[in-house]
Amino acid sequence: MTGFPPQAWDHYQRHRDEIAGLLDPRCYHIDWLDNELLNTRALAFGSDSAVIVVALRAYPAGATELHGLVAAGELSGILELIDQAEEWGRAHGITFAGIASRPGWARVLKARGYETYQTELRKELH
């Protein structure tokens, strides 16, 4: 994809073990995320201190989303990378950015213009 940072794979690899520990193994394996990146179904933005992985989503009515999948590293680095990803999204005509994560991120990102959009409720069946 145009504008994809070429060194992003290296940054991802540096934080790969941390990312693997963040994934719910019932839903995602790190190999799946590796393949998403290698096949450009997901993009990584990285720095020496952090990495974020995003996916592009297209909705039936035409909106497009830069969707945050996972982030690892230092908080300040993650926030800088979110800014970079948002700028990349603007430059590529993306409609909005979304992040599916834990409640703590809602508090951190509120000052950056993010608002709670939906809440997912989950119940264990096994």
N, C-alpha and C. Protein backbone atom coordinates (compact mmCIF):
# COMPACT_ATOMS: atom_id res chain seq x y z
N MET A 1 0.83 -1.18 0.00
CA MET A 1 0.00 0.00 0.00
C MET A 1 0.87 1.24 0.00
N THR A 2 0.48 2.22 -0.73
CA THR A 2 1.23 3.46 -0.79
C THR A 2 1.30 4.10 0.59
N GLY A 3 2.46 4.55 0.97
CA GLY A 3 2.61 5.22 2.26
C GLY A 3 2.88 4.29 3.42
N PHE A 4 2.90 2.97 3.19
CA PHE A 4 3.16 2.03 4.28
C PHE A 4 4.63 2.12 4.66
N PRO A 5 4.91 2.38 5.93
CA PRO A 5 6.31 2.54 6.36
C PRO A 5 7.11 1.24 6.16
N PRO A 6 8.19 1.28 5.38
CA PRO A 6 8.93 0.06 5.06
C PRO A 6 9.58 -0.61 6.27
N GLN A 7 9.96 0.14 7.28
CA GLN A 7 10.62 -0.43 8.45
C GLN A 7 9.63 -0.96 9.48
N ALA A 8 8.35 -0.87 9.20
CA ALA A 8 7.33 -1.24 10.18
C ALA A 8 7.42 -2.72 10.59
N TRP A 9 7.77 -3.61 9.66
CA TRP A 9 7.88 -5.03 10.00
C TRP A 9 8.94 -5.23 11.08
N ASP A 10 10.05 -4.52 10.98
CA ASP A 10 11.12 -4.63 11.99
C ASP A 10 10.62 -4.20 13.36
N HIS A 11 9.87 -3.10 13.41
CA HIS A 11 9.31 -2.63 14.69
C HIS A 11 8.31 -3.64 15.24
N TYR A 12 7.51 -4.20 14.36
CA TYR A 12 6.55 -5.22 14.77
C TYR A 12 7.29 -6.42 15.37
N GLN A 13 8.32 -6.88 14.70
CA GLN A 13 9.08 -8.04 15.19
C GLN A 13 9.69 -7.77 16.57
N ARG A 14 10.13 -6.55 16.79
CA ARG A 14 10.73 -6.18 18.08
C ARG A 14 9.71 -6.33 19.22
N HIS A 15 8.44 -6.09 18.94
CA HIS A 15 7.39 -6.13 19.97
C HIS A 15 6.48 -7.35 19.84
N ARG A 16 6.83 -8.28 18.97
CA ARG A 16 5.96 -9.41 18.65
C ARG A 16 5.61 -10.25 19.88
N ASP A 17 6.58 -10.54 20.73
CA ASP A 17 6.28 -11.36 21.92
C ASP A 17 5.31 -10.66 22.85
N GLU A 18 5.48 -9.34 23.01
CA GLU A 18 4.56 -8.57 23.85
C GLU A 18 3.15 -8.60 23.25
N ILE A 19 3.07 -8.43 21.93
CA ILE A 19 1.78 -8.47 21.25
C ILE A 19 1.13 -9.84 21.43
N ALA A 20 1.91 -10.90 21.28
CA ALA A 20 1.38 -12.26 21.44
C ALA A 20 0.74 -12.43 22.81
N GLY A 21 1.33 -11.82 23.83
CA GLY A 21 0.79 -11.91 25.17
C GLY A 21 -0.49 -11.12 25.37
N LEU A 22 -0.76 -10.17 24.49
CA LEU A 22 -1.97 -9.36 24.59
C LEU A 22 -3.17 -10.01 23.90
N LEU A 23 -2.91 -10.90 22.97
CA LEU A 23 -3.98 -11.51 22.19
C LEU A 23 -4.71 -12.58 23.00
N ASP A 24 -6.02 -12.62 22.86
CA ASP A 24 -6.81 -13.68 23.48
C ASP A 24 -6.60 -14.93 22.62
N PRO A 25 -5.90 -15.94 23.14
CA PRO A 25 -5.57 -17.11 22.32
C PRO A 25 -6.78 -17.91 21.86
N ARG A 26 -7.94 -17.67 22.45
CA ARG A 26 -9.16 -18.33 21.98
C ARG A 26 -9.65 -17.72 20.68
N CYS A 27 -9.21 -16.50 20.42
CA CYS A 27 -9.69 -15.77 19.24
C CYS A 27 -8.61 -15.56 18.18
N TYR A 28 -7.40 -15.26 18.63
CA TYR A 28 -6.32 -14.90 17.69
C TYR A 28 -5.01 -15.55 18.11
N HIS A 29 -4.25 -15.98 17.13
CA HIS A 29 -2.89 -16.45 17.34
C HIS A 29 -1.95 -15.45 16.68
N ILE A 30 -0.77 -15.34 17.19
CA ILE A 30 0.19 -14.38 16.65
C ILE A 30 0.50 -14.69 15.18
N ASP A 31 0.46 -15.96 14.80
CA ASP A 31 0.70 -16.32 13.39
C ASP A 31 -0.36 -15.70 12.48
N TRP A 32 -1.59 -15.62 12.97
CA TRP A 32 -2.65 -14.97 12.20
C TRP A 32 -2.29 -13.51 11.95
N LEU A 33 -1.84 -12.82 13.00
CA LEU A 33 -1.49 -11.40 12.84
C LEU A 33 -0.29 -11.25 11.91
N ASP A 34 0.70 -12.13 12.04
CA ASP A 34 1.84 -12.10 11.11
C ASP A 34 1.34 -12.15 9.67
N ASN A 35 0.42 -13.08 9.39
CA ASN A 35 -0.11 -13.24 8.03
C ASN A 35 -0.92 -12.04 7.58
N GLU A 36 -1.68 -11.45 8.49
CA GLU A 36 -2.43 -10.24 8.14
C GLU A 36 -1.48 -9.14 7.68
N LEU A 37 -0.37 -8.99 8.38
CA LEU A 37 0.62 -7.98 8.01
C LEU A 37 1.34 -8.34 6.71
N LEU A 38 1.79 -9.57 6.60
CA LEU A 38 2.53 -9.98 5.41
C LEU A 38 1.69 -9.91 4.15
N ASN A 39 0.38 -10.09 4.29
CA ASN A 39 -0.52 -10.03 3.14
C ASN A 39 -1.21 -8.67 3.01
N THR A 40 -0.72 -7.69 3.74
CA THR A 40 -1.21 -6.29 3.75
C THR A 40 -2.70 -6.16 4.04
N ARG A 41 -3.24 -7.11 4.80
CA ARG A 41 -4.60 -6.95 5.30
C ARG A 41 -4.59 -6.16 6.61
N ALA A 42 -3.40 -5.94 7.14
CA ALA A 42 -3.18 -5.09 8.31
C ALA A 42 -1.89 -4.32 8.06
N LEU A 43 -1.77 -3.18 8.71
CA LEU A 43 -0.59 -2.33 8.58
C LEU A 43 0.01 -2.09 9.95
N ALA A 44 1.32 -2.00 10.02
CA ALA A 44 2.00 -1.68 11.27
C ALA A 44 2.63 -0.30 11.15
N PHE A 45 2.53 0.46 12.22
CA PHE A 45 3.25 1.72 12.36
C PHE A 45 4.15 1.53 13.57
N GLY A 46 5.42 1.84 13.44
CA GLY A 46 6.32 1.55 14.55
C GLY A 46 7.38 2.59 14.75
N SER A 47 7.97 2.53 15.93
CA SER A 47 9.11 3.37 16.31
C SER A 47 10.01 2.50 17.18
N ASP A 48 11.08 3.07 17.68
CA ASP A 48 11.96 2.32 18.56
C ASP A 48 11.27 1.92 19.86
N SER A 49 10.25 2.69 20.27
CA SER A 49 9.64 2.44 21.58
C SER A 49 8.27 1.76 21.53
N ALA A 50 7.66 1.65 20.35
CA ALA A 50 6.29 1.12 20.29
C ALA A 50 5.93 0.67 18.89
N VAL A 51 4.81 -0.04 18.81
CA VAL A 51 4.24 -0.44 17.52
C VAL A 51 2.72 -0.50 17.68
N ILE A 52 2.01 -0.15 16.62
CA ILE A 52 0.56 -0.36 16.57
C ILE A 52 0.25 -1.09 15.27
N VAL A 53 -0.80 -1.89 15.30
CA VAL A 53 -1.24 -2.61 14.10
C VAL A 53 -2.69 -2.21 13.85
N VAL A 54 -2.97 -1.85 12.61
CA VAL A 54 -4.30 -1.40 12.22
C VAL A 54 -4.78 -2.20 11.01
N ALA A 55 -6.08 -2.25 10.84
CA ALA A 55 -6.69 -2.86 9.66
C ALA A 55 -7.62 -1.84 9.03
N LEU A 56 -7.81 -1.97 7.74
CA LEU A 56 -8.74 -1.10 7.03
C LEU A 56 -10.06 -1.84 6.89
N ARG A 57 -11.15 -1.13 7.21
CA ARG A 57 -12.49 -1.70 7.08
C ARG A 57 -13.31 -0.81 6.16
N ALA A 58 -14.07 -1.44 5.29
CA ALA A 58 -14.97 -0.71 4.40
C ALA A 58 -16.40 -1.13 4.75
N TYR A 59 -17.28 -0.15 4.88
CA TYR A 59 -18.67 -0.40 5.26
C TYR A 59 -19.58 -0.28 4.04
N PRO A 60 -20.72 -0.98 4.04
CA PRO A 60 -21.61 -1.01 2.88
C PRO A 60 -22.07 0.37 2.41
N ALA A 61 -22.22 1.33 3.31
CA ALA A 61 -22.69 2.65 2.92
C ALA A 61 -21.56 3.55 2.41
N GLY A 62 -20.32 3.05 2.43
CA GLY A 62 -19.22 3.82 1.86
C GLY A 62 -18.18 4.32 2.84
N ALA A 63 -18.49 4.34 4.12
CA ALA A 63 -17.50 4.80 5.10
C ALA A 63 -16.33 3.82 5.17
N THR A 64 -15.17 4.35 5.48
CA THR A 64 -13.98 3.51 5.68
C THR A 64 -13.40 3.82 7.05
N GLU A 65 -12.84 2.77 7.67
CA GLU A 65 -12.31 2.90 9.03
C GLU A 65 -10.87 2.42 9.09
N LEU A 66 -10.05 3.16 9.79
CA LEU A 66 -8.72 2.72 10.18
C LEU A 66 -8.90 2.15 11.58
N HIS A 67 -8.90 0.83 11.69
CA HIS A 67 -9.29 0.15 12.93
C HIS A 67 -8.06 -0.37 13.68
N GLY A 68 -7.83 0.15 14.88
CA GLY A 68 -6.71 -0.28 15.70
C GLY A 68 -6.93 -1.68 16.24
N LEU A 69 -6.01 -2.59 15.95
CA LEU A 69 -6.11 -3.97 16.41
C LEU A 69 -5.34 -4.22 17.70
N VAL A 70 -4.11 -3.73 17.77
CA VAL A 70 -3.26 -4.00 18.92
C VAL A 70 -2.15 -2.95 18.98
N ALA A 71 -1.68 -2.69 20.19
CA ALA A 71 -0.56 -1.76 20.40
C ALA A 71 0.33 -2.32 21.49
N ALA A 72 1.63 -2.08 21.35
CA ALA A 72 2.58 -2.55 22.36
C ALA A 72 3.72 -1.55 22.47
N GLY A 73 4.30 -1.49 23.66
CA GLY A 73 5.43 -0.61 23.88
C GLY A 73 5.09 0.47 24.88
N GLU A 74 5.87 1.55 24.83
CA GLU A 74 5.68 2.67 25.75
C GLU A 74 4.47 3.50 25.35
N LEU A 75 3.71 3.94 26.35
CA LEU A 75 2.49 4.71 26.09
C LEU A 75 2.76 5.93 25.22
N SER A 76 3.79 6.70 25.53
CA SER A 76 4.07 7.91 24.74
C SER A 76 4.34 7.55 23.29
N GLY A 77 5.04 6.45 23.06
CA GLY A 77 5.31 6.00 21.70
C GLY A 77 4.05 5.54 21.00
N ILE A 78 3.19 4.84 21.71
CA ILE A 78 1.92 4.39 21.14
C ILE A 78 1.08 5.59 20.72
N LEU A 79 1.00 6.61 21.57
CA LEU A 79 0.20 7.79 21.25
C LEU A 79 0.76 8.52 20.03
N GLU A 80 2.08 8.60 19.90
CA GLU A 80 2.68 9.21 18.71
C GLU A 80 2.33 8.41 17.46
N LEU A 81 2.35 7.10 17.57
CA LEU A 81 2.02 6.26 16.42
C LEU A 81 0.55 6.35 16.05
N ILE A 82 -0.32 6.50 17.03
CA ILE A 82 -1.74 6.72 16.73
C ILE A 82 -1.89 8.00 15.91
N ASP A 83 -1.17 9.05 16.30
CA ASP A 83 -1.20 10.30 15.53
C ASP A 83 -0.72 10.07 14.10
N GLN A 84 0.36 9.31 13.94
CA GLN A 84 0.88 9.02 12.59
C GLN A 84 -0.12 8.22 11.77
N ALA A 85 -0.75 7.23 12.39
CA ALA A 85 -1.73 6.42 11.68
C ALA A 85 -2.93 7.26 11.27
N GLU A 86 -3.38 8.15 12.15
CA GLU A 86 -4.49 9.04 11.81
C GLU A 86 -4.12 9.92 10.62
N GLU A 87 -2.91 10.45 10.62
CA GLU A 87 -2.46 11.30 9.50
C GLU A 87 -2.41 10.48 8.21
N TRP A 88 -1.92 9.26 8.29
CA TRP A 88 -1.90 8.37 7.13
C TRP A 88 -3.33 8.15 6.63
N GLY A 89 -4.26 7.91 7.57
CA GLY A 89 -5.65 7.71 7.20
C GLY A 89 -6.25 8.93 6.51
N ARG A 90 -5.97 10.11 7.05
CA ARG A 90 -6.47 11.35 6.40
C ARG A 90 -5.92 11.46 4.98
N ALA A 91 -4.64 11.21 4.83
CA ALA A 91 -4.00 11.32 3.52
C ALA A 91 -4.55 10.31 2.51
N HIS A 92 -5.11 9.21 3.00
CA HIS A 92 -5.65 8.18 2.14
C HIS A 92 -7.18 8.17 2.10
N GLY A 93 -7.80 9.25 2.60
CA GLY A 93 -9.25 9.41 2.48
C GLY A 93 -10.08 8.53 3.40
N ILE A 94 -9.50 8.05 4.49
CA ILE A 94 -10.23 7.20 5.43
C ILE A 94 -11.23 8.07 6.20
N THR A 95 -12.44 7.57 6.41
CA THR A 95 -13.52 8.33 7.05
C THR A 95 -13.28 8.55 8.53
N PHE A 96 -12.94 7.50 9.27
CA PHE A 96 -12.73 7.65 10.71
C PHE A 96 -11.78 6.58 11.23
N ALA A 97 -11.29 6.80 12.44
CA ALA A 97 -10.43 5.82 13.12
C ALA A 97 -11.21 5.24 14.30
N GLY A 98 -11.01 3.96 14.54
CA GLY A 98 -11.64 3.29 15.67
C GLY A 98 -10.66 2.36 16.35
N ILE A 99 -10.83 2.18 17.63
CA ILE A 99 -9.95 1.31 18.40
C ILE A 99 -10.83 0.42 19.28
N ALA A 100 -10.68 -0.88 19.13
CA ALA A 100 -11.38 -1.84 20.00
C ALA A 100 -10.38 -2.27 21.06
N SER A 101 -10.65 -1.92 22.30
CA SER A 101 -9.68 -2.21 23.35
C SER A 101 -10.33 -2.23 24.72
N ARG A 102 -9.50 -2.19 25.71
CA ARG A 102 -9.92 -2.20 27.11
C ARG A 102 -10.41 -0.80 27.52
N PRO A 103 -11.23 -0.71 28.58
CA PRO A 103 -11.79 0.58 29.00
C PRO A 103 -10.74 1.65 29.31
N GLY A 104 -9.57 1.28 29.76
CA GLY A 104 -8.54 2.26 30.07
C GLY A 104 -8.15 3.12 28.88
N TRP A 105 -8.21 2.54 27.69
CA TRP A 105 -7.87 3.32 26.50
C TRP A 105 -8.89 4.43 26.25
N ALA A 106 -10.15 4.21 26.62
CA ALA A 106 -11.16 5.26 26.45
C ALA A 106 -10.77 6.49 27.25
N ARG A 107 -10.26 6.29 28.45
CA ARG A 107 -9.82 7.43 29.27
C ARG A 107 -8.61 8.11 28.66
N VAL A 108 -7.64 7.33 28.21
CA VAL A 108 -6.41 7.89 27.64
C VAL A 108 -6.70 8.66 26.36
N LEU A 109 -7.57 8.13 25.52
CA LEU A 109 -7.78 8.72 24.19
C LEU A 109 -8.89 9.77 24.13
N LYS A 110 -9.63 9.95 25.21
CA LYS A 110 -10.70 10.95 25.22
C LYS A 110 -10.16 12.34 24.89
N ALA A 111 -9.03 12.71 25.46
CA ALA A 111 -8.44 14.02 25.21
C ALA A 111 -7.96 14.18 23.77
N ARG A 112 -7.87 13.09 23.04
CA ARG A 112 -7.43 13.11 21.64
C ARG A 112 -8.62 13.04 20.68
N GLY A 113 -9.84 13.20 21.22
CA GLY A 113 -11.02 13.26 20.38
C GLY A 113 -11.78 11.95 20.20
N TYR A 114 -11.34 10.90 20.84
CA TYR A 114 -12.05 9.62 20.73
C TYR A 114 -13.20 9.58 21.72
N GLU A 115 -14.32 9.00 21.28
CA GLU A 115 -15.50 8.84 22.12
C GLU A 115 -15.95 7.39 22.06
N THR A 116 -16.56 6.91 23.13
CA THR A 116 -17.11 5.57 23.12
C THR A 116 -18.25 5.53 22.10
N TYR A 117 -18.19 4.57 21.20
CA TYR A 117 -19.18 4.45 20.14
C TYR A 117 -20.14 3.29 20.43
N GLN A 118 -19.61 2.15 20.78
CA GLN A 118 -20.43 0.99 21.11
C GLN A 118 -19.77 0.27 22.27
N THR A 119 -20.52 -0.59 22.91
CA THR A 119 -19.99 -1.44 23.96
C THR A 119 -20.28 -2.88 23.58
N GLU A 120 -19.28 -3.72 23.71
CA GLU A 120 -19.47 -5.14 23.43
C GLU A 120 -19.61 -5.88 24.75
N LEU A 121 -20.66 -6.64 24.87
CA LEU A 121 -20.88 -7.47 26.04
C LEU A 121 -20.57 -8.91 25.67
N ARG A 122 -19.93 -9.61 26.56
CA ARG A 122 -19.52 -10.98 26.26
C ARG A 122 -19.84 -11.88 27.44
N LYS A 123 -20.30 -13.09 27.14
CA LYS A 123 -20.60 -14.08 28.18
C LYS A 123 -19.93 -15.39 27.79
N GLU A 124 -19.19 -15.97 28.73
CA GLU A 124 -18.54 -17.26 28.50
C GLU A 124 -19.60 -18.36 28.46
N LEU A 125 -19.54 -19.23 27.48
CA LEU A 125 -20.48 -20.33 27.35
C LEU A 125 -19.84 -21.68 27.64
N HIS A 126 -18.53 -21.72 27.68
CA HIS A 126 -17.80 -22.97 28.02
C HIS A 126 -16.88 -22.69 29.17
